[in-house]
Amino acid sequence: MKRINLLLLPIMLLPIMLLIFSCGNRENADLLVYNATIYTVDSSFSTTEAMVIKDGKILATGTKAELEKKYNAAGQTDAQGKFIYPGLIDAHAHFVGYGTGLQTVDLTGTESWNDIITRVTNFAKESPKDQWIIGRGWDQNDWPIKEFPTNEALNRLFPDQPVLLTRVDGHAAIANQKALDAAGVKAGDKLTGGEVETSNGKLTGILVDNAVDLVSAKIPSLTPSQLREALLDAQRNCFAAGLTTIDDCGINAPETELIRQMQDSNQLKMRLYVMLSDNKSNYDYLDKKGIIKTDRLHVRAFKVYGDGALGSRGACLLQPYTDKPGHHGFLLSDPAHFDSVANWIAQRNFQMCTHAIGDSGNRTILSIYNKYLEGKNDRRWRIEHAQVINAADFGLFGKASIVPSVQPTHATSDMYWAEQRLGADRVKGAYAYKQLLEQNGWLPLGTDFPVEDISPFKTFYAAVIRKDAKGWPQNGYQVENALSREQALRGMTIWAARANFEEKEKGSLEPGKFADFIILDRDLLKAPENELLEAKVLETFVNGESVYKKR
C-alpha cells in the first residue's frame, strides 16, 4: 500500500477546504439572469450582462462569473443573448377603463359610420336585449366624411335598447334616443363644459365632454365579479406588452379598494399608481386615509379635467379653431374650481394632475399651478397631455417645476388633421416634446390607452421617429421635437417612476430596486427604424416572478 506523506496532507486538502469555505460564504439568491444585454437605465445609462435577484429585488449586476462567485442562485434564466430593460411604466393610461372596455363593442379602426353600425349590430346579436349596448373607439377624422354622425340608424335598429358609443378620446359620444330619454336629455339643454348637439331643433345624439356624463351616469355599474374579470383581462394584456406599472388616470375610491383587495390576495400583480377623479367623495376618501403606499399600490394624486379634446374640438384655445371660426372649445369647469382644488391640494402632501389639451386650457392650469407652487419645488404637480402650448407659456413648466406628462402617439394619430384645427403657426407649439423636456430635464411618457393602442413600442417609435406605421411622413412629423432613443427609454422607465415619486424603488435595474424587467427580441437603442414596431416581448417579470412568457 502506498503511504501518504502526512506533511503534504494539509496542502492536498487546501483546494477542497477553499471550495467549501467559498461555497459557505456565498449569499443565497433566488434567480440569476445571464447572457443578456441589460440596459440598467441608471444615471450613466450603463449596460451589463447579468443580475442576481432575491426576495423580489435586485441584489447585484455584473458578469455571470463575478456574480456566481458571490451568490448561490436557486434558479437561473439564460436570456440567450437577448435584451433586457426595466419593466416599462405607462405614465398615463386608463387601466380600469381599458379592462371594462374589453367587455364592450370595440370600435377602434372603424373606417366609416356604416362600419360602426355593422359592428354594433353583430355585437347586439350576442348580448341580452335588456342591457345597454356600450362601445368605444371611433374617430370621425379617420372616415371619408370627417363629420360627426347622427343617430337615426341607431334609433331605427335599437328603438327599445339604449346605446352609447364613445369617441376614441372619451370626450364625445353618440347616443340613441332610448339612451337620451333614459337620461332626460332634451334639445336646447345647456351645461358648463359640454354640448348637446342639435340640428334643426332636434337632437343628433352627439354629446361633447360633460354632456357625455349625462347619459353615461345612467349605465348600470359592473358587479364586483365583472370588474374583477375586467381587471384580470387588462393585466394579462399589459404584461404581454411589457408593462409592469400603470398610472391609472381617473378612477374612484370603490374601484381603488377592489384593486387593493385583489393585490392583497395576489390575484392582481400589476403595480398601479392611481389618480383619483375630481369629486368630493374621492377627496374625502384620501383626506381621511392619507397617502396609500404598498409595493403594488400608490394613491396620492388627483386627476382634474381642464378642457376637452382637439379631435372633438373641445380643447380650449386662445384663438378660434382654424376649421371652425368663432369656436374656441371650452374649459370643463369654471377656473374658480381649479383654483379651489389647487388650494386644497397645496395644503396637503398630495399631487395634482390636470388634463389640459388646448393652449388656453394649458395656460389656465399653468397659471394656477404657478400661483400655489411659488417657484422651484418637489411637489411634482403634473399637466397630463400638455398638447398645445403657446410659445409664451413653455417657461411656466420650468418656473414651478411642473411635470409635462405626454403621450407621443397622440402626435402621430393627430398629425393628419392637427394643422387644419390649429393653423400652420399654432401647430408648431403642439406635441413639442423636446421643448417640454428642456423645461425640467426629464419627461414621463405614456400611451393613454385605450384612447391609443396599448403598445409601449408605438410610444417609443412615435417619440423618436415621429412617423406612422407606414413610415409617413417621409422625413417625420415636426422632428425638431423628436426625442433621442435614450430619452424615450428613460421616459418609459425611470422618468415615469419619478413622476410617481417612485424612482428609488423602480424604473432602473439597480441593487435594492424591484426586479421588474422584460426580455425583448431586439435592441431598441440600435435596431433599424423599420424594426422598432416589430419588437416582441419574450418574457415579463414582476418581483422576479415570470408573469408572461411568449409561446
Protein backbone atom coordinates (compact mmCIF):
# COMPACT_ATOMS: atom_id res chain seq x y z
CA MET A 1 0.00 0.00 0.00
CA LYS A 2 1.25 3.45 -0.95
CA ARG A 3 1.84 5.66 2.06
CA ILE A 4 0.57 9.28 2.16
CA ASN A 5 3.08 11.78 3.37
CA LEU A 6 1.32 13.33 6.35
CA LEU A 7 3.29 16.51 5.88
CA LEU A 8 1.70 17.01 2.45
CA LEU A 9 -1.88 16.34 3.64
CA PRO A 10 -2.77 19.97 4.52
CA ILE A 11 -1.55 21.09 1.10
CA MET A 12 -3.58 18.38 -0.66
CA LEU A 13 -6.72 19.34 1.27
CA LEU A 14 -6.33 23.07 0.76
CA PRO A 15 -8.30 23.31 -2.56
CA ILE A 16 -11.15 21.34 -1.06
CA MET A 17 -11.18 23.48 2.05
CA LEU A 18 -11.14 26.66 -0.03
CA LEU A 19 -14.05 25.37 -2.13
CA ILE A 20 -16.06 24.52 0.97
CA PHE A 21 -15.20 27.90 2.52
CA SER A 22 -16.11 29.71 -0.71
CA CYS A 23 -19.47 27.96 -1.06
CA GLY A 24 -20.25 28.56 2.56
CA ASN A 25 -19.67 32.26 2.20
CA ARG A 26 -21.73 32.76 -0.97
CA GLU A 27 -25.03 34.51 -0.35
CA ASN A 28 -28.15 32.60 -1.30
CA ALA A 29 -30.32 34.14 -4.01
CA ASP A 30 -33.48 33.21 -5.89
CA LEU A 31 -32.54 33.85 -9.50
CA LEU A 32 -29.54 34.56 -11.71
CA VAL A 33 -30.35 36.08 -15.08
CA TYR A 34 -27.45 36.00 -17.53
CA ASN A 35 -26.32 36.01 -21.17
CA ALA A 36 -28.10 39.27 -21.95
CA THR A 37 -27.53 42.88 -22.85
CA ILE A 38 -29.09 44.55 -19.83
CA TYR A 39 -29.93 48.24 -20.09
CA THR A 40 -29.90 49.24 -16.45
CA VAL A 41 -31.11 52.81 -17.16
CA ASP A 42 -29.04 54.01 -14.23
CA SER A 43 -27.62 57.53 -14.11
CA SER A 44 -24.87 56.67 -16.60
CA PHE A 45 -27.17 54.53 -18.78
CA SER A 46 -24.81 51.58 -18.35
CA THR A 47 -25.23 48.07 -19.70
CA THR A 48 -24.27 44.76 -18.12
CA GLU A 49 -24.71 41.06 -18.84
CA ALA A 50 -26.20 39.50 -15.70
CA MET A 51 -28.09 40.21 -12.48
CA VAL A 52 -28.99 38.39 -9.28
CA ILE A 53 -32.41 38.59 -7.61
CA LYS A 54 -33.62 37.76 -4.11
CA ASP A 55 -36.99 38.35 -2.43
CA GLY A 56 -38.27 40.24 -5.47
CA LYS A 57 -35.40 42.73 -5.56
CA ILE A 58 -32.13 43.08 -7.42
CA LEU A 59 -29.09 42.12 -5.33
CA ALA A 60 -26.35 42.89 -7.83
CA THR A 61 -25.50 43.27 -11.51
CA GLY A 62 -22.31 42.38 -13.35
CA THR A 63 -20.81 39.47 -15.26
CA LYS A 64 -22.04 35.93 -14.75
CA ALA A 65 -18.62 34.83 -13.48
CA GLU A 66 -18.45 37.65 -10.95
CA LEU A 67 -21.94 37.03 -9.64
CA GLU A 68 -21.52 33.26 -9.35
CA LYS A 69 -18.51 33.83 -7.08
CA LYS A 70 -20.65 35.82 -4.66
CA TYR A 71 -24.11 34.28 -4.94
CA ASN A 72 -25.64 30.84 -4.92
CA ALA A 73 -28.82 31.19 -7.01
CA ALA A 74 -31.59 28.62 -6.69
CA GLY A 75 -32.72 29.25 -10.27
CA GLN A 76 -31.18 30.56 -13.47
CA THR A 77 -32.57 32.20 -16.60
CA ASP A 78 -30.49 32.17 -19.75
CA ALA A 79 -31.59 35.19 -21.79
CA GLN A 80 -29.95 33.63 -24.86
CA GLY A 81 -28.27 36.84 -25.95
CA LYS A 82 -31.47 38.89 -25.93
CA PHE A 83 -32.08 42.36 -24.50
CA ILE A 84 -33.33 43.23 -21.03
CA TYR A 85 -34.90 46.52 -19.94
CA PRO A 86 -36.56 47.73 -16.75
CA GLY A 87 -40.27 46.88 -16.63
CA LEU A 88 -42.00 49.57 -18.67
CA ILE A 89 -44.11 52.15 -16.86
CA ASP A 90 -47.07 53.74 -18.61
CA ALA A 91 -47.24 57.22 -17.10
CA HIS A 92 -50.75 57.90 -18.41
CA ALA A 93 -53.36 55.25 -19.13
CA HIS A 94 -56.77 54.03 -18.04
CA PHE A 95 -56.31 50.52 -16.68
CA VAL A 96 -59.80 50.07 -15.24
CA GLY A 97 -61.43 51.69 -18.27
CA TYR A 98 -59.41 49.51 -20.62
CA GLY A 99 -60.44 46.37 -18.78
CA THR A 100 -64.13 47.24 -18.76
CA GLY A 101 -63.87 48.27 -22.40
CA LEU A 102 -62.77 44.77 -23.31
CA GLN A 103 -66.29 43.68 -22.39
CA THR A 104 -67.92 46.11 -24.87
CA VAL A 105 -68.02 46.82 -28.62
CA ASP A 106 -64.56 47.61 -29.96
CA LEU A 107 -64.90 50.50 -32.42
CA THR A 108 -61.20 51.25 -32.92
CA GLY A 109 -60.11 51.30 -36.53
CA THR A 110 -63.62 51.74 -37.92
CA GLU A 111 -63.46 53.34 -41.36
CA SER A 112 -66.99 54.76 -41.61
CA TRP A 113 -70.26 55.21 -39.77
CA ASN A 114 -71.62 52.17 -41.63
CA ASP A 115 -68.69 50.15 -40.31
CA ILE A 116 -69.74 51.10 -36.77
CA ILE A 117 -73.37 50.13 -37.40
CA THR A 118 -72.21 46.71 -38.60
CA ARG A 119 -70.06 46.09 -35.53
CA VAL A 120 -72.77 47.23 -33.13
CA THR A 121 -75.40 45.09 -34.84
CA ASN A 122 -73.20 41.99 -34.67
CA PHE A 123 -72.41 42.66 -31.01
CA ALA A 124 -76.11 43.10 -30.18
CA LYS A 125 -76.92 39.65 -31.58
CA GLU A 126 -74.84 38.09 -28.79
CA SER A 127 -75.91 40.37 -25.93
CA PRO A 128 -79.06 40.37 -23.75
CA LYS A 129 -81.82 42.60 -25.12
CA ASP A 130 -82.41 44.27 -21.75
CA GLN A 131 -78.84 45.57 -21.42
CA TRP A 132 -77.20 48.74 -22.65
CA ILE A 133 -75.02 48.48 -25.74
CA ILE A 134 -71.73 50.23 -24.98
CA GLY A 135 -68.86 50.83 -27.36
CA ARG A 136 -65.76 52.97 -27.71
CA GLY A 137 -63.02 53.81 -30.18
CA TRP A 138 -64.50 55.61 -33.22
CA ASP A 139 -62.84 58.65 -34.74
CA GLN A 140 -64.63 60.57 -37.47
CA ASN A 141 -61.30 62.01 -38.60
CA ASP A 142 -60.47 58.55 -40.00
CA TRP A 143 -63.57 58.44 -42.22
CA PRO A 144 -64.09 59.70 -45.77
CA ILE A 145 -66.74 62.08 -44.39
CA LYS A 146 -64.99 63.67 -41.42
CA GLU A 147 -68.10 64.92 -39.63
CA PHE A 148 -69.96 63.72 -36.58
CA PRO A 149 -72.69 61.20 -37.48
CA THR A 150 -76.33 61.38 -36.37
CA ASN A 151 -78.29 58.72 -34.52
CA GLU A 152 -81.10 57.93 -36.99
CA ALA A 153 -79.77 54.45 -37.77
CA LEU A 154 -79.31 53.63 -34.07
CA ASN A 155 -82.86 54.80 -33.34
CA ARG A 156 -84.23 52.61 -36.10
CA LEU A 157 -82.23 49.49 -35.22
CA PHE A 158 -82.47 49.77 -31.43
CA PRO A 159 -85.74 51.52 -30.54
CA ASP A 160 -86.02 49.77 -27.16
CA GLN A 161 -82.37 49.23 -26.21
CA PRO A 162 -80.18 52.14 -25.05
CA VAL A 163 -76.93 52.63 -26.99
CA LEU A 164 -73.93 54.83 -26.11
CA LEU A 165 -70.87 54.81 -28.39
CA THR A 166 -67.95 56.88 -27.17
CA ARG A 167 -65.33 58.53 -29.36
CA VAL A 168 -61.75 57.24 -29.08
CA ASP A 169 -60.66 60.07 -26.74
CA GLY A 170 -63.65 59.74 -24.41
CA HIS A 171 -64.57 63.40 -24.96
CA ALA A 172 -67.53 62.87 -27.29
CA ALA A 173 -70.14 60.18 -27.83
CA ILE A 174 -73.25 59.37 -29.79
CA ALA A 175 -76.37 58.08 -28.05
CA ASN A 176 -79.60 56.74 -29.47
CA GLN A 177 -82.95 58.21 -28.48
CA LYS A 178 -83.62 55.47 -25.92
CA ALA A 179 -80.42 56.38 -24.07
CA LEU A 180 -81.14 60.12 -24.31
CA ASP A 181 -84.63 59.55 -22.91
CA ALA A 182 -83.20 57.49 -20.04
CA ALA A 183 -81.01 60.47 -19.11
CA GLY A 184 -83.71 63.06 -19.66
CA VAL A 185 -81.64 64.90 -22.29
CA LYS A 186 -83.65 67.43 -24.30
CA ALA A 187 -82.89 69.67 -27.25
CA GLY A 188 -81.73 73.06 -26.00
CA ASP A 189 -80.12 71.73 -22.81
CA LYS A 190 -77.15 73.88 -21.77
CA LEU A 191 -74.34 72.96 -19.40
CA THR A 192 -70.88 74.11 -18.38
CA GLY A 193 -68.04 72.40 -20.21
CA GLY A 194 -70.19 70.39 -22.55
CA GLU A 195 -72.52 70.48 -25.53
CA VAL A 196 -75.70 68.66 -26.53
CA GLU A 197 -75.69 68.89 -30.31
CA THR A 198 -78.89 69.63 -32.24
CA SER A 199 -79.82 70.12 -35.88
CA ASN A 200 -82.98 71.94 -36.88
CA GLY A 201 -84.06 71.85 -33.25
CA LYS A 202 -83.68 68.06 -32.93
CA LEU A 203 -81.14 66.00 -31.02
CA THR A 204 -78.50 64.43 -33.25
CA GLY A 205 -77.31 62.13 -30.48
CA ILE A 206 -73.88 63.77 -30.35
CA LEU A 207 -72.70 64.68 -26.84
CA VAL A 208 -69.44 66.52 -26.18
CA ASP A 209 -67.42 66.40 -22.95
CA ASN A 210 -69.59 66.94 -19.83
CA ALA A 211 -72.71 66.16 -21.84
CA VAL A 212 -71.49 62.57 -22.21
CA ASP A 213 -71.73 62.17 -18.44
CA LEU A 214 -75.46 62.93 -18.54
CA VAL A 215 -76.02 59.62 -20.32
CA SER A 216 -73.11 57.50 -19.06
CA ALA A 217 -74.27 58.13 -15.46
CA LYS A 218 -77.37 56.05 -16.23
CA ILE A 219 -75.43 52.95 -17.28
CA PRO A 220 -75.68 50.24 -14.59
CA SER A 221 -72.38 49.64 -12.77
CA LEU A 222 -70.48 46.41 -13.23
CA THR A 223 -70.82 43.90 -10.42
CA PRO A 224 -67.67 43.29 -8.34
CA SER A 225 -67.28 39.93 -10.09
CA GLN A 226 -67.49 41.53 -13.54
CA LEU A 227 -65.00 44.21 -12.54
CA ARG A 228 -62.55 41.62 -11.21
CA GLU A 229 -62.64 39.79 -14.54
CA ALA A 230 -62.14 43.08 -16.38
CA LEU A 231 -59.04 43.92 -14.31
CA LEU A 232 -57.53 40.48 -14.84
CA ASP A 233 -58.11 40.80 -18.59
CA ALA A 234 -56.39 44.18 -18.57
CA GLN A 235 -53.48 42.82 -16.53
CA ARG A 236 -52.96 39.94 -18.96
CA ASN A 237 -52.67 42.27 -21.93
CA CYS A 238 -50.44 44.74 -20.10
CA PHE A 239 -47.93 42.08 -19.06
CA ALA A 240 -47.84 40.79 -22.64
CA ALA A 241 -46.97 44.34 -23.75
CA GLY A 242 -44.09 44.58 -21.24
CA LEU A 243 -45.88 46.96 -18.86
CA THR A 244 -45.27 46.38 -15.16
CA THR A 245 -46.60 49.65 -13.67
CA ILE A 246 -49.61 51.61 -14.91
CA ASP A 247 -50.68 55.11 -13.93
CA ASP A 248 -54.48 54.81 -13.89
CA CYS A 249 -55.62 58.36 -14.53
CA GLY A 250 -59.02 58.99 -13.03
CA ILE A 251 -60.84 56.28 -11.07
CA ASN A 252 -62.91 56.32 -7.89
CA ALA A 253 -62.47 55.13 -4.33
CA PRO A 254 -64.57 51.92 -4.62
CA GLU A 255 -62.52 50.75 -7.61
CA THR A 256 -59.34 51.56 -5.71
CA GLU A 257 -60.48 49.46 -2.76
CA LEU A 258 -61.24 46.50 -5.05
CA ILE A 259 -57.78 46.83 -6.62
CA ARG A 260 -56.23 46.76 -3.16
CA GLN A 261 -58.18 43.65 -2.21
CA MET A 262 -57.13 41.87 -5.40
CA GLN A 263 -53.49 42.84 -4.87
CA ASP A 264 -53.57 41.70 -1.24
CA SER A 265 -54.86 38.29 -2.35
CA ASN A 266 -52.17 38.17 -5.08
CA GLN A 267 -54.79 37.99 -7.84
CA LEU A 268 -53.63 41.31 -9.24
CA LYS A 269 -49.85 41.52 -9.60
CA MET A 270 -49.76 44.70 -11.69
CA ARG A 271 -48.34 47.72 -9.90
CA LEU A 272 -50.71 50.69 -10.09
CA TYR A 273 -50.23 54.39 -9.47
CA VAL A 274 -53.78 55.66 -9.01
CA MET A 275 -55.06 59.16 -9.65
CA LEU A 276 -58.48 59.64 -8.07
CA SER A 277 -61.03 61.57 -10.12
CA ASP A 278 -62.01 65.11 -9.23
CA ASN A 279 -65.06 64.69 -6.99
CA LYS A 280 -65.87 65.28 -3.33
CA SER A 281 -66.19 61.65 -2.30
CA ASN A 282 -62.67 60.93 -3.57
CA TYR A 283 -61.23 63.97 -1.82
CA ASP A 284 -62.91 62.90 1.43
CA TYR A 285 -61.64 59.33 0.98
CA LEU A 286 -57.96 60.23 0.60
CA ASP A 287 -58.10 63.07 3.12
CA LYS A 288 -59.21 60.53 5.70
CA LYS A 289 -56.79 57.78 4.71
CA GLY A 290 -53.76 59.84 3.75
CA ILE A 291 -51.30 58.65 1.12
CA ILE A 292 -51.78 54.94 0.40
CA LYS A 293 -48.47 53.20 -0.33
CA THR A 294 -47.78 49.50 -0.71
CA ASP A 295 -45.36 47.69 -3.03
CA ARG A 296 -48.12 47.40 -5.64
CA LEU A 297 -50.47 50.32 -4.98
CA HIS A 298 -49.72 54.01 -4.63
CA VAL A 299 -52.51 56.58 -4.21
CA ARG A 300 -51.55 60.20 -3.64
CA ALA A 301 -52.78 62.02 -6.76
CA PHE A 302 -55.96 63.59 -8.08
CA LYS A 303 -56.90 63.74 -11.75
CA VAL A 304 -58.56 67.05 -12.64
CA TYR A 305 -60.10 67.75 -16.04
CA GLY A 306 -59.18 71.08 -17.60
CA ASP A 307 -60.68 71.03 -21.09
CA GLY A 308 -61.80 68.68 -23.84
CA ALA A 309 -60.00 67.04 -26.77
CA LEU A 310 -58.69 68.51 -30.00
CA GLY A 311 -60.28 65.85 -32.18
CA SER A 312 -63.79 66.71 -30.98
CA ARG A 313 -62.98 70.46 -30.92
CA GLY A 314 -63.49 70.58 -27.15
CA ALA A 315 -59.92 71.63 -26.35
CA CYS A 316 -59.94 75.20 -25.10
CA LEU A 317 -57.99 77.53 -27.44
CA LEU A 318 -56.86 81.13 -27.09
CA GLN A 319 -57.97 81.84 -30.65
CA PRO A 320 -60.80 80.15 -32.58
CA TYR A 321 -60.36 76.83 -34.33
CA THR A 322 -58.97 77.36 -37.82
CA ASP A 323 -61.54 74.92 -39.23
CA LYS A 324 -64.46 76.22 -37.13
CA PRO A 325 -64.45 80.03 -36.99
CA GLY A 326 -65.83 81.53 -33.79
CA HIS A 327 -65.44 78.31 -31.79
CA HIS A 328 -62.82 78.24 -29.02
CA GLY A 329 -63.69 74.95 -27.31
CA PHE A 330 -64.25 75.20 -23.55
CA LEU A 331 -63.00 74.55 -20.06
CA LEU A 332 -64.79 71.70 -18.32
CA SER A 333 -65.15 73.67 -15.08
CA ASP A 334 -65.03 77.30 -14.04
CA PRO A 335 -61.43 78.46 -13.33
CA ALA A 336 -62.50 79.10 -9.74
CA HIS A 337 -62.98 75.34 -9.33
CA PHE A 338 -59.44 74.58 -10.47
CA ASP A 339 -58.14 77.26 -8.13
CA SER A 340 -60.01 75.84 -5.15
CA VAL A 341 -58.78 72.31 -5.86
CA ALA A 342 -55.19 73.54 -6.18
CA ASN A 343 -55.52 75.41 -2.90
CA TRP A 344 -56.86 72.31 -1.11
CA ILE A 345 -54.15 70.01 -2.51
CA ALA A 346 -51.39 72.57 -1.82
CA GLN A 347 -52.24 72.36 1.88
CA ARG A 348 -51.72 68.59 1.85
CA ASN A 349 -48.97 66.29 0.58
CA PHE A 350 -50.98 65.16 -2.45
CA GLN A 351 -50.26 65.57 -6.16
CA MET A 352 -52.40 67.49 -8.67
CA CYS A 353 -52.54 66.06 -12.20
CA THR A 354 -54.66 68.02 -14.67
CA HIS A 355 -55.77 67.10 -18.18
CA ALA A 356 -55.02 70.07 -20.44
CA ILE A 357 -55.02 69.98 -24.25
CA GLY A 358 -55.59 73.44 -25.75
CA ASP A 359 -53.27 76.43 -25.35
CA SER A 360 -55.91 78.27 -23.33
CA GLY A 361 -56.59 75.21 -21.17
CA ASN A 362 -52.88 74.80 -20.52
CA ARG A 363 -52.37 78.49 -19.75
CA THR A 364 -55.23 78.46 -17.25
CA ILE A 365 -53.87 75.44 -15.36
CA LEU A 366 -50.22 76.51 -15.57
CA SER A 367 -51.11 79.90 -14.12
CA ILE A 368 -52.98 78.37 -11.20
CA TYR A 369 -50.18 75.88 -10.54
CA ASN A 370 -47.60 78.68 -10.51
CA LYS A 371 -49.75 80.62 -8.04
CA TYR A 372 -49.65 77.83 -5.46
CA LEU A 373 -46.28 76.19 -6.15
CA GLU A 374 -44.42 79.51 -5.89
CA GLY A 375 -41.25 78.67 -7.79
CA LYS A 376 -38.98 75.61 -7.83
CA ASN A 377 -40.25 72.72 -5.70
CA ASP A 378 -40.54 68.94 -5.49
CA ARG A 379 -44.33 68.62 -5.44
CA ARG A 380 -44.29 67.13 -8.96
CA TRP A 381 -47.66 68.51 -9.99
CA ARG A 382 -48.40 67.31 -13.49
CA ILE A 383 -50.06 68.53 -16.66
CA GLU A 384 -51.46 65.49 -18.42
CA HIS A 385 -51.06 65.77 -22.22
CA ALA A 386 -49.66 69.34 -22.39
CA GLN A 387 -50.66 69.04 -26.00
CA VAL A 388 -50.86 72.58 -27.42
CA ILE A 389 -48.69 75.21 -25.71
CA ASN A 390 -48.44 78.88 -26.56
CA ALA A 391 -44.83 79.92 -27.14
CA ALA A 392 -45.03 82.34 -24.21
CA ASP A 393 -46.08 79.60 -21.79
CA PHE A 394 -43.41 76.88 -22.07
CA GLY A 395 -41.36 78.59 -19.37
CA LEU A 396 -44.20 78.22 -16.86
CA PHE A 397 -43.39 74.50 -16.62
CA GLY A 398 -39.79 75.03 -15.57
CA LYS A 399 -40.53 78.06 -13.39
CA ALA A 400 -42.61 75.98 -10.96
CA SER A 401 -41.11 72.51 -11.65
CA ILE A 402 -44.37 71.41 -13.30
CA VAL A 403 -44.17 67.98 -14.93
CA PRO A 404 -45.48 67.70 -18.52
CA SER A 405 -46.80 64.12 -18.87
CA VAL A 406 -47.11 63.36 -22.58
CA GLN A 407 -48.26 60.57 -24.88
CA PRO A 408 -46.23 60.53 -28.11
CA THR A 409 -48.71 58.53 -30.18
CA HIS A 410 -51.12 61.46 -29.92
CA ALA A 411 -48.78 63.30 -32.28
CA THR A 412 -48.78 60.55 -34.89
CA SER A 413 -52.54 59.99 -34.55
CA ASP A 414 -53.41 63.69 -34.86
CA MET A 415 -50.80 64.80 -37.42
CA TYR A 416 -53.14 64.17 -40.38
CA TRP A 417 -55.58 66.88 -39.28
CA ALA A 418 -53.98 68.86 -36.42
CA GLU A 419 -52.88 71.71 -38.69
CA GLN A 420 -56.43 72.04 -40.01
CA ARG A 421 -57.62 72.58 -36.44
CA LEU A 422 -54.79 74.86 -35.32
CA GLY A 423 -53.26 76.51 -38.39
CA ALA A 424 -49.62 76.41 -39.51
CA ASP A 425 -48.25 78.74 -36.83
CA ARG A 426 -50.08 77.46 -33.76
CA VAL A 427 -49.44 73.78 -34.54
CA LYS A 428 -45.70 74.35 -34.02
CA GLY A 429 -46.36 74.54 -30.29
CA ALA A 430 -48.24 71.23 -30.33
CA TYR A 431 -46.71 67.83 -29.44
CA ALA A 432 -43.49 69.73 -28.63
CA TYR A 433 -41.86 67.02 -26.54
CA LYS A 434 -38.26 68.17 -26.81
CA GLN A 435 -39.22 71.71 -25.78
CA LEU A 436 -41.14 70.29 -22.84
CA LEU A 437 -38.24 68.02 -21.88
CA GLU A 438 -35.94 71.03 -21.70
CA GLN A 439 -38.08 72.65 -19.01
CA ASN A 440 -37.08 70.30 -16.18
CA GLY A 441 -34.62 67.95 -17.88
CA TRP A 442 -36.92 64.93 -17.68
CA LEU A 443 -40.25 63.85 -19.19
CA PRO A 444 -42.59 60.92 -18.38
CA LEU A 445 -44.19 59.12 -21.34
CA GLY A 446 -47.42 57.14 -21.62
CA THR A 447 -49.85 55.72 -24.15
CA ASP A 448 -53.25 56.94 -22.89
CA PHE A 449 -54.68 53.50 -23.70
CA PRO A 450 -57.45 52.75 -24.61
CA VAL A 451 -57.53 56.15 -26.32
CA GLU A 452 -54.41 54.93 -28.15
CA ASP A 453 -53.00 51.45 -28.64
CA ILE A 454 -51.60 49.74 -25.55
CA SER A 455 -48.20 49.05 -27.17
CA PRO A 456 -45.32 50.94 -25.47
CA PHE A 457 -43.22 50.32 -28.57
CA LYS A 458 -45.55 52.58 -30.51
CA THR A 459 -44.87 55.19 -27.82
CA PHE A 460 -41.13 54.72 -28.33
CA TYR A 461 -41.42 54.87 -32.12
CA ALA A 462 -43.64 57.95 -32.13
CA ALA A 463 -41.36 59.79 -29.69
CA VAL A 464 -38.16 59.05 -31.60
CA ILE A 465 -39.14 58.57 -35.25
CA ARG A 466 -42.40 60.61 -35.34
CA LYS A 467 -43.91 58.66 -38.23
CA ASP A 468 -46.91 56.38 -38.61
CA ALA A 469 -46.58 52.61 -39.04
CA LYS A 470 -46.33 53.04 -42.81
CA GLY A 471 -43.34 55.37 -42.50
CA TRP A 472 -45.26 58.58 -43.21
CA PRO A 473 -44.31 61.36 -43.45
CA GLN A 474 -41.02 60.50 -45.10
CA ASN A 475 -39.00 62.96 -43.03
CA GLY A 476 -41.05 62.64 -39.85
CA TYR A 477 -43.60 64.96 -38.25
CA GLN A 478 -42.16 68.11 -36.64
CA VAL A 479 -38.92 66.19 -36.00
CA GLU A 480 -37.36 69.18 -34.28
CA ASN A 481 -39.30 67.93 -31.24
CA ALA A 482 -38.27 64.27 -31.51
CA LEU A 483 -36.61 62.61 -28.52
CA SER A 484 -33.44 60.53 -28.63
CA ARG A 485 -33.74 56.79 -28.06
CA GLU A 486 -32.15 57.09 -24.64
CA GLN A 487 -34.54 59.88 -23.67
CA ALA A 488 -37.55 57.87 -24.85
CA LEU A 489 -36.49 54.80 -22.85
CA ARG A 490 -35.89 56.93 -19.77
CA GLY A 491 -39.34 58.47 -20.27
CA MET A 492 -40.90 54.99 -20.19
CA THR A 493 -38.92 53.84 -17.14
CA ILE A 494 -37.00 55.99 -14.65
CA TRP A 495 -38.64 59.33 -15.56
CA ALA A 496 -42.10 57.76 -15.39
CA ALA A 497 -41.17 56.37 -11.96
CA ARG A 498 -40.01 59.83 -10.90
CA ALA A 499 -43.35 61.35 -11.93
CA ASN A 500 -44.89 58.93 -9.40
CA PHE A 501 -42.36 59.57 -6.57
CA GLU A 502 -41.13 56.00 -7.12
CA GLU A 503 -37.67 56.44 -8.67
CA LYS A 504 -35.97 54.94 -5.60
CA GLU A 505 -37.77 51.60 -6.00
CA LYS A 506 -38.31 51.08 -9.74
CA GLY A 507 -37.57 52.43 -13.20
CA SER A 508 -33.98 51.13 -13.39
CA LEU A 509 -32.24 47.80 -12.79
CA GLU A 510 -30.04 48.65 -9.81
CA PRO A 511 -29.38 46.89 -6.49
CA GLY A 512 -32.19 47.38 -4.00
CA LYS A 513 -34.88 48.06 -6.60
CA PHE A 514 -37.79 45.82 -7.57
CA ALA A 515 -36.87 43.06 -10.01
CA ASP A 516 -39.35 44.25 -12.62
CA PHE A 517 -37.91 43.69 -16.07
CA ILE A 518 -38.66 42.49 -19.59
CA ILE A 519 -36.75 40.43 -22.14
CA LEU A 520 -37.07 41.69 -25.73
CA ASP A 521 -36.09 40.09 -29.00
CA ARG A 522 -34.23 43.20 -30.23
CA ASP A 523 -32.18 46.18 -29.14
CA LEU A 524 -34.39 49.29 -29.03
CA LEU A 525 -31.32 51.51 -28.85
CA LYS A 526 -29.72 50.11 -32.03
CA ALA A 527 -32.40 48.39 -34.13
CA PRO A 528 -33.13 49.89 -37.55
CA GLU A 529 -36.06 52.32 -37.59
CA ASN A 530 -38.25 49.94 -39.58
CA GLU A 531 -37.85 47.17 -36.98
CA LEU A 532 -38.86 49.08 -33.86
CA LEU A 533 -42.58 48.39 -34.20
CA GLU A 534 -41.84 44.68 -34.63
CA ALA A 535 -40.31 44.38 -31.14
CA LYS A 536 -41.63 41.36 -29.25
CA VAL A 537 -41.78 40.84 -25.51
CA LEU A 538 -40.38 37.38 -24.83
CA GLU A 539 -40.91 37.42 -21.08
CA THR A 540 -42.10 39.83 -18.38
CA PHE A 541 -41.03 39.66 -14.73
CA VAL A 542 -42.57 41.40 -11.72
CA ASN A 543 -40.83 41.00 -8.36
CA GLY A 544 -38.52 38.48 -10.01
CA GLU A 545 -41.52 36.31 -10.94
CA SER A 546 -42.29 35.49 -14.55
CA VAL A 547 -45.80 36.81 -15.20
CA TYR A 548 -45.81 36.47 -19.00
CA LYS A 549 -43.87 34.29 -21.43
CA LYS A 550 -44.32 34.33 -25.19
CA ARG A 551 -45.33 30.96 -26.56
